[in-house]
């Protein structure tokens, strides 16, 4: 099954598992990611993802956007996640379609689920108001494809 022919589709709000996710600092770990946009591949737009964490240390528990920390909190069982989960919006990662396909064929990347439409809209609104997210990334997240 290719990434473009799965039951969820690679659209905004898709939850991905990356068995060998590489951080900006060079470290590597297993991570759940959330796709923040639905790129126009004809225009060679990148896929934008953010990492997630279930570690509550120094994080608020108010559901939704946490502007001061550039996080988005989803309570356990309120959407796809089984545990309290924070989307780390202060670090957005770009991947080309080719990079995603290569990761899929190597067995590193799996599609795990999809967030609810309301949650996706709330995340989009959050991202577009954060000062540490570039205008380019905000514009890609705002687009509906």
Protein backbone atom coordinates (compact mmCIF):
# COMPACT_ATOMS: atom_id res chain seq x y z
CA UNK A 1 0.00 0.00 0.00
CA UNK A 2 1.49 3.33 -1.00
CA UNK A 3 1.18 6.44 1.12
CA UNK A 4 -1.27 7.87 -1.41
CA UNK A 5 -3.49 4.77 -1.43
CA UNK A 6 -4.16 4.14 2.25
CA UNK A 7 -7.50 4.25 4.00
CA UNK A 8 -6.68 7.57 5.73
CA UNK A 9 -4.86 9.45 3.00
CA UNK A 10 -1.92 11.70 3.68
CA UNK A 11 -3.94 14.71 4.65
CA UNK A 12 -3.80 17.32 7.35
CA UNK A 13 -4.40 15.63 10.71
CA UNK A 14 -2.90 12.25 9.80
CA UNK A 15 -1.06 10.63 12.71
CA UNK A 16 2.19 8.96 11.66
CA UNK A 17 4.59 6.68 13.50
CA UNK A 18 8.25 7.11 12.55
CA UNK A 19 10.49 4.33 13.87
CA UNK A 20 13.67 6.32 13.15
CA UNK A 21 12.72 9.96 13.39
CA UNK A 22 15.73 12.27 13.18
CA UNK A 23 15.64 15.41 15.30
CA UNK A 24 17.19 18.72 14.28
CA UNK A 25 20.00 18.09 16.78
CA UNK A 26 20.89 14.81 15.04
CA UNK A 27 19.34 12.51 17.64
CA UNK A 28 17.02 9.71 16.60
CA UNK A 29 14.00 8.07 18.26
CA UNK A 30 10.62 6.45 17.69
CA UNK A 31 8.03 9.25 17.46
CA UNK A 32 4.38 9.85 16.76
CA UNK A 33 3.98 12.79 14.39
CA UNK A 34 1.01 14.81 13.21
CA UNK A 35 0.74 16.06 9.64
CA UNK A 36 -0.08 19.77 9.74
CA UNK A 37 -0.89 20.37 6.08
CA UNK A 38 -2.11 18.76 2.89
CA UNK A 39 0.55 19.81 0.40
CA UNK A 40 -0.05 20.55 -3.24
CA UNK A 41 2.43 18.05 -4.67
CA UNK A 42 2.14 19.60 -8.15
CA UNK A 43 3.71 22.71 -6.62
CA UNK A 44 6.31 20.62 -4.78
CA UNK A 45 5.05 21.78 -1.39
CA UNK A 46 6.54 19.93 1.58
CA UNK A 47 4.72 17.84 4.14
CA UNK A 48 4.86 19.62 7.51
CA UNK A 49 4.86 17.52 10.67
CA UNK A 50 5.24 18.17 14.37
CA UNK A 51 6.39 15.78 17.06
CA UNK A 52 4.15 14.68 19.90
CA UNK A 53 4.90 13.86 23.51
CA UNK A 54 2.97 12.35 26.38
CA UNK A 55 5.48 13.65 28.94
CA UNK A 56 3.56 16.16 31.11
CA UNK A 57 6.63 17.76 32.69
CA UNK A 58 6.32 21.59 32.66
CA UNK A 59 3.26 21.52 30.39
CA UNK A 60 -0.25 22.83 30.94
CA UNK A 61 -3.29 20.58 30.89
CA UNK A 62 -5.77 23.03 29.43
CA UNK A 63 -7.12 21.41 26.24
CA UNK A 64 -6.21 23.10 22.98
CA UNK A 65 -3.65 25.74 22.12
CA UNK A 66 -1.07 26.72 24.68
CA UNK A 67 0.29 29.85 23.04
CA UNK A 68 3.04 30.65 25.54
CA UNK A 69 4.70 27.25 25.05
CA UNK A 70 3.75 26.68 21.39
CA UNK A 71 1.98 23.44 22.29
CA UNK A 72 -1.41 21.95 21.54
CA UNK A 73 -2.85 19.66 24.21
CA UNK A 74 -5.19 16.75 23.43
CA UNK A 75 -6.67 14.92 26.40
CA UNK A 76 -6.49 11.13 26.48
CA UNK A 77 -9.41 9.55 24.66
CA UNK A 78 -10.77 12.85 23.28
CA UNK A 79 -9.38 12.15 19.84
CA UNK A 80 -7.05 9.55 18.36
CA UNK A 81 -4.51 9.50 21.21
CA UNK A 82 -4.85 7.02 24.08
CA UNK A 83 -2.78 9.18 26.44
CA UNK A 84 -2.65 12.89 27.21
CA UNK A 85 -0.64 14.24 24.29
CA UNK A 86 1.04 17.54 23.45
CA UNK A 87 1.82 18.54 19.86
CA UNK A 88 5.16 20.35 19.88
CA UNK A 89 4.45 23.17 17.45
CA UNK A 90 7.66 25.07 18.21
CA UNK A 91 9.52 22.64 15.91
CA UNK A 92 7.96 21.95 12.54
CA UNK A 93 9.72 19.51 10.24
CA UNK A 94 9.52 19.52 6.43
CA UNK A 95 9.56 16.40 4.27
CA UNK A 96 9.24 16.04 0.52
CA UNK A 97 6.87 13.42 -0.92
CA UNK A 98 9.95 11.50 -2.03
CA UNK A 99 11.37 11.47 1.52
CA UNK A 100 8.06 10.18 2.90
CA UNK A 101 7.87 7.42 0.28
CA UNK A 102 11.47 6.38 0.94
CA UNK A 103 10.79 6.20 4.68
CA UNK A 104 7.62 4.16 4.03
CA UNK A 105 9.39 1.67 1.76
CA UNK A 106 12.25 1.28 4.26
CA UNK A 107 9.63 0.38 6.88
CA UNK A 108 10.26 3.42 9.08
CA UNK A 109 7.00 5.30 8.51
CA UNK A 110 3.49 4.05 9.26
CA UNK A 111 0.13 5.75 9.08
CA UNK A 112 -1.61 5.18 12.41
CA UNK A 113 -4.78 7.26 12.30
CA UNK A 114 -6.47 10.58 11.70
CA UNK A 115 -7.53 13.37 14.02
CA UNK A 116 -11.11 14.64 14.07
CA UNK A 117 -11.96 17.56 11.78
CA UNK A 118 -12.65 19.85 14.73
CA UNK A 119 -9.25 19.08 16.28
CA UNK A 120 -7.53 19.69 12.94
CA UNK A 121 -9.22 23.09 12.64
CA UNK A 122 -8.21 24.02 16.20
CA UNK A 123 -4.59 23.02 15.52
CA UNK A 124 -4.61 25.09 12.30
CA UNK A 125 -5.92 28.12 14.19
CA UNK A 126 -3.28 27.61 16.88
CA UNK A 127 -0.36 27.33 14.42
CA UNK A 128 -1.39 30.47 12.56
CA UNK A 129 -1.22 32.52 15.78
CA UNK A 130 2.16 31.35 17.08
CA UNK A 131 5.02 33.83 16.84
CA UNK A 132 7.71 31.14 16.56
CA UNK A 133 6.16 29.54 13.44
CA UNK A 134 7.36 31.02 10.16
CA UNK A 135 4.91 32.79 7.87
CA UNK A 136 5.69 30.21 5.17
CA UNK A 137 4.67 27.34 7.47
CA UNK A 138 1.59 29.23 8.66
CA UNK A 139 0.50 29.77 5.05
CA UNK A 140 0.92 26.06 4.23
CA UNK A 141 -1.05 25.03 7.32
CA UNK A 142 -3.87 27.51 6.52
CA UNK A 143 -4.38 26.11 3.02
CA UNK A 144 -7.09 23.56 2.43
CA UNK A 145 -6.36 21.11 -0.37
